[in-house]
Amino acid sequence: MAFGVTRDPGSGIRHRVEVFGLGGWLAGQLGFDPRGGATVPDWLAAPWQRLTEVTGGAVFHDGTGGLTRARAALSWYPRDVWRYVLSCQWSKIAEEEAFGGRCAEAGDELGSVVVTARLARDLMRLWLLMQRRYPPYSKWLGTAFARSPGGERLGRHLAAALAADRWTARERELGLAYRIAAEAHNRLGLTEPVDPGTRPYFSRPYQVLGAGRFAAALSGAITDPLVRRLGPAGTADQVIDSTPALGELRYARAVTSVSGI
């Protein structure tokens, strides 16, 4: 069977069949061979899309079981690395959760919509991470989210927030979405329970979750000394918002190395 290449229509037909040894293929996809174990820097630098590709899809033959072992090793983050990744994702939400209202307060309605969309994307990624699923890149993010347990319920509020024509309606729908995510966090048992309710943003006239509370609870629950020393940057996907850059593993390694390991 042969296929044309969508991104290069003038190149003609290619069979798209390549032959690799398993170790070389894994190193090319991830930057390391997980059969020998994955270090904390390995986990941080591995793009979510690459992890999704390696751990998913049909396997038609695995005679020695090497790919099965590799997939098992990559099935999910170690517990404290998971706490760290979730903490960084909650921190991303905390940075902007008040900005929808603040943009509208300044007369920037379009800015308010853009911020709402960014928060919706971060909540979708957070939800998948809480479901122990690596978030895929943007083309497949909505599909993966919709297929995740509870995604439909959370998605209704995110869609309503994006469709709203006033910041107050966006705030209300985001607040309902925050509560769903916060209650899901508490069910994970990774931290002591955190109040899932919204609250005023200091003296400003709008409500926020205070997502930094969840980030702090997760960081405080980390016991691995190596993970505790990590800076607040997060994984490659939490730092880089460029598909071409994430496709070059040297960039992923470079940006995550600033965490101090």
C-alpha atoms as a PDB file:
ATOM      1  CA  MET A   1       0.000   0.000   0.000  1.00  0.00           C
ATOM      2  CA  ALA A   2       1.328   3.474  -0.874  1.00  0.00           C
ATOM      3  CA  PHE A   3       0.290   6.945   0.187  1.00  0.00           C
ATOM      4  CA  GLY A   4       0.912  10.490  -0.913  1.00  0.00           C
ATOM      5  CA  VAL A   5       2.428  12.930   1.585  1.00  0.00           C
ATOM      6  CA  THR A   6      -0.130  15.583   2.556  1.00  0.00           C
ATOM      7  CA  ARG A   7       2.417  18.249   3.462  1.00  0.00           C
ATOM      8  CA  ASP A   8       4.400  17.712   0.241  1.00  0.00           C
ATOM      9  CA  PRO A   9       1.923  17.033  -2.599  1.00  0.00           C
ATOM     10  CA  GLY A  10       4.587  17.366  -5.299  1.00  0.00           C
ATOM     11  CA  SER A  11       6.725  14.556  -3.919  1.00  0.00           C
ATOM     12  CA  GLY A  12       4.778  11.702  -5.468  1.00  0.00           C
ATOM     13  CA  ILE A  13       3.754   8.443  -3.849  1.00  0.00           C
ATOM     14  CA  ARG A  14       5.773   6.877  -1.051  1.00  0.00           C
ATOM     15  CA  HIS A  15       5.325   3.494   0.558  1.00  0.00           C
ATOM     16  CA  ARG A  16       5.888   5.008   4.028  1.00  0.00           C
ATOM     17  CA  VAL A  17       7.466   1.792   5.298  1.00  0.00           C
ATOM     18  CA  GLU A  18      10.592   2.173   7.413  1.00  0.00           C
ATOM     19  CA  VAL A  19      12.717  -0.425   9.165  1.00  0.00           C
ATOM     20  CA  PHE A  20      14.405   0.220  12.518  1.00  0.00           C
ATOM     21  CA  GLY A  21      15.758  -1.729  15.430  1.00  0.00           C
ATOM     22  CA  LEU A  22      13.522  -1.199  18.451  1.00  0.00           C
ATOM     23  CA  GLY A  23      16.176   0.571  20.545  1.00  0.00           C
ATOM     24  CA  GLY A  24      17.032   3.000  17.779  1.00  0.00           C
ATOM     25  CA  TRP A  25      13.375   3.711  17.067  1.00  0.00           C
ATOM     26  CA  LEU A  26      12.609   4.397  20.732  1.00  0.00           C
ATOM     27  CA  ALA A  27      15.621   6.677  21.069  1.00  0.00           C
ATOM     28  CA  GLY A  28      14.597   8.522  17.918  1.00  0.00           C
ATOM     29  CA  GLN A  29      11.032   8.985  19.144  1.00  0.00           C
ATOM     30  CA  LEU A  30      11.764   9.833  22.777  1.00  0.00           C
ATOM     31  CA  GLY A  31      15.455  10.563  23.168  1.00  0.00           C
ATOM     32  CA  PHE A  32      15.938   7.489  25.393  1.00  0.00           C
ATOM     33  CA  ASP A  33      15.164   3.780  25.546  1.00  0.00           C
ATOM     34  CA  PRO A  34      12.614   3.253  28.350  1.00  0.00           C
ATOM     35  CA  ARG A  35      13.444  -0.438  28.633  1.00  0.00           C
ATOM     36  CA  GLY A  36      16.524   0.640  30.557  1.00  0.00           C
ATOM     37  CA  GLY A  37      14.501   2.941  32.799  1.00  0.00           C
ATOM     38  CA  ALA A  38      13.446   6.575  32.473  1.00  0.00           C
ATOM     39  CA  THR A  39      15.090   9.327  34.515  1.00  0.00           C
ATOM     40  CA  VAL A  40      13.288  12.441  35.702  1.00  0.00           C
ATOM     41  CA  PRO A  41      14.887  14.505  32.883  1.00  0.00           C
ATOM     42  CA  ASP A  42      13.693  11.856  30.415  1.00  0.00           C
ATOM     43  CA  TRP A  43      10.121  12.229  31.631  1.00  0.00           C
ATOM     44  CA  LEU A  44      10.222  16.022  31.507  1.00  0.00           C
ATOM     45  CA  ALA A  45      11.668  16.204  27.995  1.00  0.00           C
ATOM     46  CA  ALA A  46       9.420  13.573  26.385  1.00  0.00           C
ATOM     47  CA  PRO A  47       6.685  15.424  24.414  1.00  0.00           C
ATOM     48  CA  TRP A  48       3.155  14.290  25.194  1.00  0.00           C
ATOM     49  CA  GLN A  49       2.427  13.592  21.532  1.00  0.00           C
ATOM     50  CA  ARG A  50       5.479  11.306  21.294  1.00  0.00           C
ATOM     51  CA  LEU A  51       4.436   9.454  24.454  1.00  0.00           C
ATOM     52  CA  THR A  52       0.929   9.093  23.016  1.00  0.00           C
ATOM     53  CA  GLU A  53       2.289   7.658  19.775  1.00  0.00           C
ATOM     54  CA  VAL A  54       4.682   5.200  21.417  1.00  0.00           C
ATOM     55  CA  THR A  55       2.170   3.880  23.957  1.00  0.00           C
ATOM     56  CA  GLY A  56      -0.832   3.790  21.591  1.00  0.00           C
ATOM     57  CA  GLY A  57      -1.755   2.188  18.299  1.00  0.00           C
ATOM     58  CA  ALA A  58      -1.955  -1.387  17.093  1.00  0.00           C
ATOM     59  CA  VAL A  59       0.976  -3.808  17.417  1.00  0.00           C
ATOM     60  CA  PHE A  60       0.876  -6.648  14.915  1.00  0.00           C
ATOM     61  CA  HIS A  61       3.924  -8.562  16.114  1.00  0.00           C
ATOM     62  CA  ASP A  62       6.185  -8.266  19.141  1.00  0.00           C
ATOM     63  CA  GLY A  63       8.082 -11.516  19.175  1.00  0.00           C
ATOM     64  CA  THR A  64      10.530 -10.766  22.005  1.00  0.00           C
ATOM     65  CA  GLY A  65       8.097  -8.547  23.906  1.00  0.00           C
ATOM     66  CA  GLY A  66      10.437  -5.537  23.797  1.00  0.00           C
ATOM     67  CA  LEU A  67       7.811  -3.060  22.666  1.00  0.00           C
ATOM     68  CA  THR A  68       5.367  -4.355  25.260  1.00  0.00           C
ATOM     69  CA  ARG A  69       7.974  -3.770  27.975  1.00  0.00           C
ATOM     70  CA  ALA A  70       8.712  -0.298  26.656  1.00  0.00           C
ATOM     71  CA  ARG A  71       5.036   0.597  26.632  1.00  0.00           C
ATOM     72  CA  ALA A  72       4.597  -0.712  30.170  1.00  0.00           C
ATOM     73  CA  ALA A  73       7.509   1.445  31.350  1.00  0.00           C
ATOM     74  CA  LEU A  74       5.886   4.493  29.739  1.00  0.00           C
ATOM     75  CA  SER A  75       2.312   3.728  30.765  1.00  0.00           C
ATOM     76  CA  TRP A  76       2.271   6.719  33.107  1.00  0.00           C
ATOM     77  CA  TYR A  77       4.444   9.084  35.108  1.00  0.00           C
ATOM     78  CA  PRO A  78       5.918   7.970  38.438  1.00  0.00           C
ATOM     79  CA  ARG A  79       3.661   9.254  41.217  1.00  0.00           C
ATOM     80  CA  ASP A  80       5.761  12.237  42.305  1.00  0.00           C
ATOM     81  CA  VAL A  81       6.510  13.237  38.710  1.00  0.00           C
ATOM     82  CA  TRP A  82       2.742  13.120  38.123  1.00  0.00           C
ATOM     83  CA  ARG A  83       2.224  15.440  41.094  1.00  0.00           C
ATOM     84  CA  TYR A  84       4.830  17.794  39.664  1.00  0.00           C
ATOM     85  CA  VAL A  85       3.265  17.837  36.183  1.00  0.00           C
ATOM     86  CA  LEU A  86      -0.205  18.451  37.620  1.00  0.00           C
ATOM     87  CA  SER A  87       1.147  21.204  39.867  1.00  0.00           C
ATOM     88  CA  CYS A  88       2.662  22.969  36.878  1.00  0.00           C
ATOM     89  CA  GLN A  89      -0.599  22.650  34.942  1.00  0.00           C
ATOM     90  CA  TRP A  90      -2.630  24.129  37.813  1.00  0.00           C
ATOM     91  CA  SER A  91      -0.055  26.936  37.971  1.00  0.00           C
ATOM     92  CA  LYS A  92      -0.656  27.746  34.299  1.00  0.00           C
ATOM     93  CA  ILE A  93      -4.346  28.148  35.091  1.00  0.00           C
ATOM     94  CA  ALA A  94      -3.599  30.224  38.186  1.00  0.00           C
ATOM     95  CA  GLU A  95      -1.571  32.681  36.124  1.00  0.00           C
ATOM     96  CA  GLU A  96      -4.520  33.655  33.909  1.00  0.00           C
ATOM     97  CA  GLU A  97      -7.731  32.709  35.697  1.00  0.00           C
ATOM     98  CA  ALA A  98      -8.474  36.336  36.603  1.00  0.00           C
ATOM     99  CA  PHE A  99      -7.551  37.799  33.223  1.00  0.00           C
ATOM    100  CA  GLY A 100     -10.885  37.205  31.493  1.00  0.00           C
ATOM    101  CA  GLY A 101     -12.561  39.583  33.897  1.00  0.00           C
ATOM    102  CA  ARG A 102      -9.652  41.992  33.967  1.00  0.00           C
ATOM    103  CA  CYS A 103      -9.592  42.240  30.154  1.00  0.00           C
ATOM    104  CA  ALA A 104     -13.322  42.961  30.085  1.00  0.00           C
ATOM    105  CA  GLU A 105     -12.926  45.502  32.873  1.00  0.00           C
ATOM    106  CA  ALA A 106     -10.450  47.317  30.626  1.00  0.00           C
ATOM    107  CA  GLY A 107     -12.868  47.213  27.684  1.00  0.00           C
ATOM    108  CA  ASP A 108     -10.991  44.413  25.894  1.00  0.00           C
ATOM    109  CA  GLU A 109     -13.766  41.986  25.064  1.00  0.00           C
ATOM    110  CA  LEU A 110     -11.737  40.130  22.442  1.00  0.00           C
ATOM    111  CA  GLY A 111      -8.892  39.710  24.929  1.00  0.00           C
ATOM    112  CA  SER A 112     -11.360  38.248  27.412  1.00  0.00           C
ATOM    113  CA  VAL A 113     -12.479  35.668  24.840  1.00  0.00           C
ATOM    114  CA  VAL A 114      -8.871  34.761  23.987  1.00  0.00           C
ATOM    115  CA  VAL A 115      -8.001  34.266  27.658  1.00  0.00           C
ATOM    116  CA  THR A 116     -11.093  32.105  28.113  1.00  0.00           C
ATOM    117  CA  ALA A 117      -9.992  29.937  25.186  1.00  0.00           C
ATOM    118  CA  ARG A 118      -6.504  29.574  26.661  1.00  0.00           C
ATOM    119  CA  LEU A 119      -7.971  28.548  30.015  1.00  0.00           C
ATOM    120  CA  ALA A 120     -10.281  26.051  28.303  1.00  0.00           C
ATOM    121  CA  ARG A 121      -7.294  24.474  26.574  1.00  0.00           C
ATOM    122  CA  ASP A 122      -5.326  24.268  29.815  1.00  0.00           C
ATOM    123  CA  LEU A 123      -8.308  22.721  31.612  1.00  0.00           C
ATOM    124  CA  MET A 124      -8.697  20.129  28.852  1.00  0.00           C
ATOM    125  CA  ARG A 125      -5.042  19.201  29.184  1.00  0.00           C
ATOM    126  CA  LEU A 126      -5.337  19.131  32.977  1.00  0.00           C
ATOM    127  CA  TRP A 127      -8.333  16.825  32.737  1.00  0.00           C
ATOM    128  CA  LEU A 128      -6.473  14.372  30.519  1.00  0.00           C
ATOM    129  CA  LEU A 129      -3.463  14.445  32.844  1.00  0.00           C
ATOM    130  CA  MET A 130      -5.721  13.688  35.805  1.00  0.00           C
ATOM    131  CA  GLN A 131      -7.165  10.784  33.796  1.00  0.00           C
ATOM    132  CA  ARG A 132      -3.630   9.437  33.283  1.00  0.00           C
ATOM    133  CA  ARG A 133      -3.667  10.232  29.572  1.00  0.00           C
ATOM    134  CA  TYR A 134      -0.977  12.120  27.687  1.00  0.00           C
ATOM    135  CA  PRO A 135      -2.609  15.114  25.953  1.00  0.00           C
ATOM    136  CA  PRO A 136      -2.071  14.921  22.183  1.00  0.00           C
ATOM    137  CA  TYR A 137      -1.299  17.927  20.008  1.00  0.00           C
ATOM    138  CA  SER A 138      -4.016  20.406  19.068  1.00  0.00           C
ATOM    139  CA  LYS A 139      -5.587  18.531  16.138  1.00  0.00           C
ATOM    140  CA  TRP A 140      -6.457  15.586  18.394  1.00  0.00           C
ATOM    141  CA  LEU A 141      -6.819  17.324  21.762  1.00  0.00           C
ATOM    142  CA  GLY A 142     -10.593  17.808  21.529  1.00  0.00           C
ATOM    143  CA  THR A 143     -11.123  14.235  20.360  1.00  0.00           C
ATOM    144  CA  ALA A 144      -9.055  12.760  23.180  1.00  0.00           C
ATOM    145  CA  PHE A 145     -10.761  15.020  25.712  1.00  0.00           C
ATOM    146  CA  ALA A 146     -14.261  14.094  24.501  1.00  0.00           C
ATOM    147  CA  ARG A 147     -13.423  10.393  24.817  1.00  0.00           C
ATOM    148  CA  SER A 148     -12.076  10.711  28.366  1.00  0.00           C
ATOM    149  CA  PRO A 149     -14.263   9.795  31.352  1.00  0.00           C
ATOM    150  CA  GLY A 150     -16.191  12.903  32.428  1.00  0.00           C
ATOM    151  CA  GLY A 151     -14.928  14.933  29.494  1.00  0.00           C
ATOM    152  CA  GLU A 152     -18.396  15.481  28.061  1.00  0.00           C
ATOM    153  CA  ARG A 153     -19.697  17.070  31.285  1.00  0.00           C
ATOM    154  CA  LEU A 154     -16.717  19.369  31.683  1.00  0.00           C
ATOM    155  CA  GLY A 155     -16.748  20.122  27.963  1.00  0.00           C
ATOM    156  CA  ARG A 156     -20.308  21.473  28.088  1.00  0.00           C
ATOM    157  CA  HIS A 157     -19.241  24.233  30.448  1.00  0.00           C
ATOM    158  CA  LEU A 158     -16.101  25.013  28.455  1.00  0.00           C
ATOM    159  CA  ALA A 159     -18.131  25.236  25.243  1.00  0.00           C
ATOM    160  CA  ALA A 160     -20.661  27.492  26.953  1.00  0.00           C
ATOM    161  CA  ALA A 161     -17.889  29.746  28.236  1.00  0.00           C
ATOM    162  CA  LEU A 162     -16.452  30.081  24.741  1.00  0.00           C
ATOM    163  CA  ALA A 163     -19.881  30.797  23.232  1.00  0.00           C
ATOM    164  CA  ALA A 164     -20.846  33.421  25.827  1.00  0.00           C
ATOM    165  CA  ASP A 165     -21.075  37.044  24.694  1.00  0.00           C
ATOM    166  CA  ARG A 166     -20.367  38.581  28.117  1.00  0.00           C
ATOM    167  CA  TRP A 167     -17.504  38.107  30.533  1.00  0.00           C
ATOM    168  CA  THR A 168     -19.904  37.439  33.414  1.00  0.00           C
ATOM    169  CA  ALA A 169     -21.318  34.421  31.567  1.00  0.00           C
ATOM    170  CA  ARG A 170     -17.811  33.223  30.737  1.00  0.00           C
ATOM    171  CA  GLU A 171     -16.853  33.554  34.390  1.00  0.00           C
ATOM    172  CA  ARG A 172     -19.928  31.593  35.505  1.00  0.00           C
ATOM    173  CA  GLU A 173     -19.295  28.710  33.115  1.00  0.00           C
ATOM    174  CA  LEU A 174     -15.576  28.600  33.884  1.00  0.00           C
ATOM    175  CA  GLY A 175     -16.428  28.546  37.586  1.00  0.00           C
ATOM    176  CA  LEU A 176     -18.577  25.444  37.057  1.00  0.00           C
ATOM    177  CA  ALA A 177     -15.773  23.855  35.024  1.00  0.00           C
ATOM    178  CA  TYR A 178     -13.255  24.673  37.755  1.00  0.00           C
ATOM    179  CA  ARG A 179     -15.392  22.949  40.365  1.00  0.00           C
ATOM    180  CA  ILE A 180     -15.615  19.781  38.275  1.00  0.00           C
ATOM    181  CA  ALA A 181     -11.834  19.749  37.827  1.00  0.00           C
ATOM    182  CA  ALA A 182     -11.205  20.545  41.492  1.00  0.00           C
ATOM    183  CA  GLU A 183     -13.492  17.768  42.693  1.00  0.00           C
ATOM    184  CA  ALA A 184     -11.763  15.359  40.321  1.00  0.00           C
ATOM    185  CA  HIS A 185      -8.422  16.417  41.811  1.00  0.00           C
ATOM    186  CA  ASN A 186      -9.677  15.579  45.292  1.00  0.00           C
ATOM    187  CA  ARG A 187     -10.781  12.119  44.154  1.00  0.00           C
ATOM    188  CA  LEU A 188      -7.242  11.319  42.977  1.00  0.00           C
ATOM    189  CA  GLY A 189      -5.951  11.249  46.550  1.00  0.00           C
ATOM    190  CA  LEU A 190      -2.634  12.834  45.554  1.00  0.00           C
ATOM    191  CA  THR A 191      -3.036  15.541  48.212  1.00  0.00           C
ATOM    192  CA  GLU A 192      -5.222  16.323  51.161  1.00  0.00           C
ATOM    193  CA  PRO A 193      -8.629  17.606  49.970  1.00  0.00           C
ATOM    194  CA  VAL A 194      -8.658  21.199  48.703  1.00  0.00           C
ATOM    195  CA  ASP A 195     -11.775  23.394  48.822  1.00  0.00           C
ATOM    196  CA  PRO A 196     -13.240  23.241  45.268  1.00  0.00           C
ATOM    197  CA  GLY A 197     -15.232  26.468  45.550  1.00  0.00           C
ATOM    198  CA  THR A 198     -14.525  29.754  43.800  1.00  0.00           C
ATOM    199  CA  ARG A 199     -13.729  32.958  45.671  1.00  0.00           C
ATOM    200  CA  PRO A 200     -13.288  36.688  45.003  1.00  0.00           C
ATOM    201  CA  TYR A 201     -10.088  37.808  43.309  1.00  0.00           C
ATOM    202  CA  PHE A 202      -8.831  40.111  46.067  1.00  0.00           C
ATOM    203  CA  SER A 203     -11.018  43.248  45.893  1.00  0.00           C
ATOM    204  CA  ARG A 204     -11.843  42.878  42.173  1.00  0.00           C
ATOM    205  CA  PRO A 205     -15.440  42.178  41.127  1.00  0.00           C
ATOM    206  CA  TYR A 206     -14.982  38.635  39.804  1.00  0.00           C
ATOM    207  CA  GLN A 207     -14.612  35.065  40.986  1.00  0.00           C
ATOM    208  CA  VAL A 208     -11.671  32.698  40.567  1.00  0.00           C
ATOM    209  CA  LEU A 209     -10.846  29.219  41.787  1.00  0.00           C
ATOM    210  CA  GLY A 210      -7.498  30.135  43.266  1.00  0.00           C
ATOM    211  CA  ALA A 211      -5.827  27.385  41.248  1.00  0.00           C
ATOM    212  CA  GLY A 212      -2.510  28.084  42.925  1.00  0.00           C
ATOM    213  CA  ARG A 213      -3.886  26.319  46.008  1.00  0.00           C
ATOM    214  CA  PHE A 214      -3.981  23.049  44.077  1.00  0.00           C
ATOM    215  CA  ALA A 215      -0.502  23.610  42.669  1.00  0.00           C
ATOM    216  CA  ALA A 216       0.847  24.248  46.161  1.00  0.00           C
ATOM    217  CA  ALA A 217      -0.884  21.179  47.615  1.00  0.00           C
ATOM    218  CA  LEU A 218       0.610  18.961  44.931  1.00  0.00           C
ATOM    219  CA  SER A 219       4.096  20.408  45.280  1.00  0.00           C
ATOM    220  CA  GLY A 220       3.896  20.017  49.046  1.00  0.00           C
ATOM    221  CA  ALA A 221       2.982  16.341  48.723  1.00  0.00           C
ATOM    222  CA  ILE A 222       6.079  15.437  46.682  1.00  0.00           C
ATOM    223  CA  THR A 223       8.509  13.309  48.685  1.00  0.00           C
ATOM    224  CA  ASP A 224      11.135  12.442  46.042  1.00  0.00           C
ATOM    225  CA  PRO A 225      14.018  14.867  46.779  1.00  0.00           C
ATOM    226  CA  LEU A 226      14.999  15.049  43.112  1.00  0.00           C
ATOM    227  CA  VAL A 227      11.493  16.026  42.044  1.00  0.00           C
ATOM    228  CA  ARG A 228      11.125  18.443  44.952  1.00  0.00           C
ATOM    229  CA  ARG A 229      14.109  20.402  43.636  1.00  0.00           C
ATOM    230  CA  LEU A 230      12.547  20.954  40.229  1.00  0.00           C
ATOM    231  CA  GLY A 231      11.836  24.500  39.130  1.00  0.00           C
ATOM    232  CA  PRO A 232       8.297  25.562  38.204  1.00  0.00           C
ATOM    233  CA  ALA A 233       8.676  25.259  34.413  1.00  0.00           C
ATOM    234  CA  GLY A 234       7.175  21.786  33.917  1.00  0.00           C
ATOM    235  CA  THR A 235       7.437  19.406  30.976  1.00  0.00           C
ATOM    236  CA  ALA A 236       8.407  20.332  27.438  1.00  0.00           C
ATOM    237  CA  ASP A 237       4.732  20.730  26.471  1.00  0.00           C
ATOM    238  CA  GLN A 238       4.129  23.078  29.389  1.00  0.00           C
ATOM    239  CA  VAL A 239       7.008  25.315  28.282  1.00  0.00           C
ATOM    240  CA  ILE A 240       6.981  25.110  24.467  1.00  0.00           C
ATOM    241  CA  ASP A 241       3.875  26.046  22.473  1.00  0.00           C
ATOM    242  CA  SER A 242       5.293  25.187  19.069  1.00  0.00           C
ATOM    243  CA  THR A 243       4.661  21.902  17.268  1.00  0.00           C
ATOM    244  CA  PRO A 244       7.857  22.151  15.157  1.00  0.00           C
ATOM    245  CA  ALA A 245       9.943  22.850  18.267  1.00  0.00           C
ATOM    246  CA  LEU A 246       8.396  19.928  20.136  1.00  0.00           C
ATOM    247  CA  GLY A 247       9.211  17.789  17.115  1.00  0.00           C
ATOM    248  CA  GLU A 248      12.935  18.463  17.715  1.00  0.00           C
ATOM    249  CA  LEU A 249      13.893  16.577  20.851  1.00  0.00           C
ATOM    250  CA  ARG A 250      17.003  18.705  21.373  1.00  0.00           C
ATOM    251  CA  TYR A 251      14.749  21.713  22.044  1.00  0.00           C
ATOM    252  CA  ALA A 252      12.685  19.716  24.534  1.00  0.00           C
ATOM    253  CA  ARG A 253      15.872  18.643  26.329  1.00  0.00           C
ATOM    254  CA  ALA A 254      17.228  22.185  26.341  1.00  0.00           C
ATOM    255  CA  VAL A 255      14.159  23.909  27.782  1.00  0.00           C
ATOM    256  CA  THR A 256      13.526  21.321  30.479  1.00  0.00           C
ATOM    257  CA  SER A 257      17.157  21.316  31.590  1.00  0.00           C
ATOM    258  CA  VAL A 258      16.551  24.684  33.284  1.00  0.00           C
ATOM    259  CA  SER A 259      14.630  22.844  35.995  1.00  0.00           C
ATOM    260  CA  GLY A 260      17.953  22.154  37.645  1.00  0.00           C
ATOM    261  CA  ILE A 261      18.450  18.404  37.278  1.00  0.00           C
END
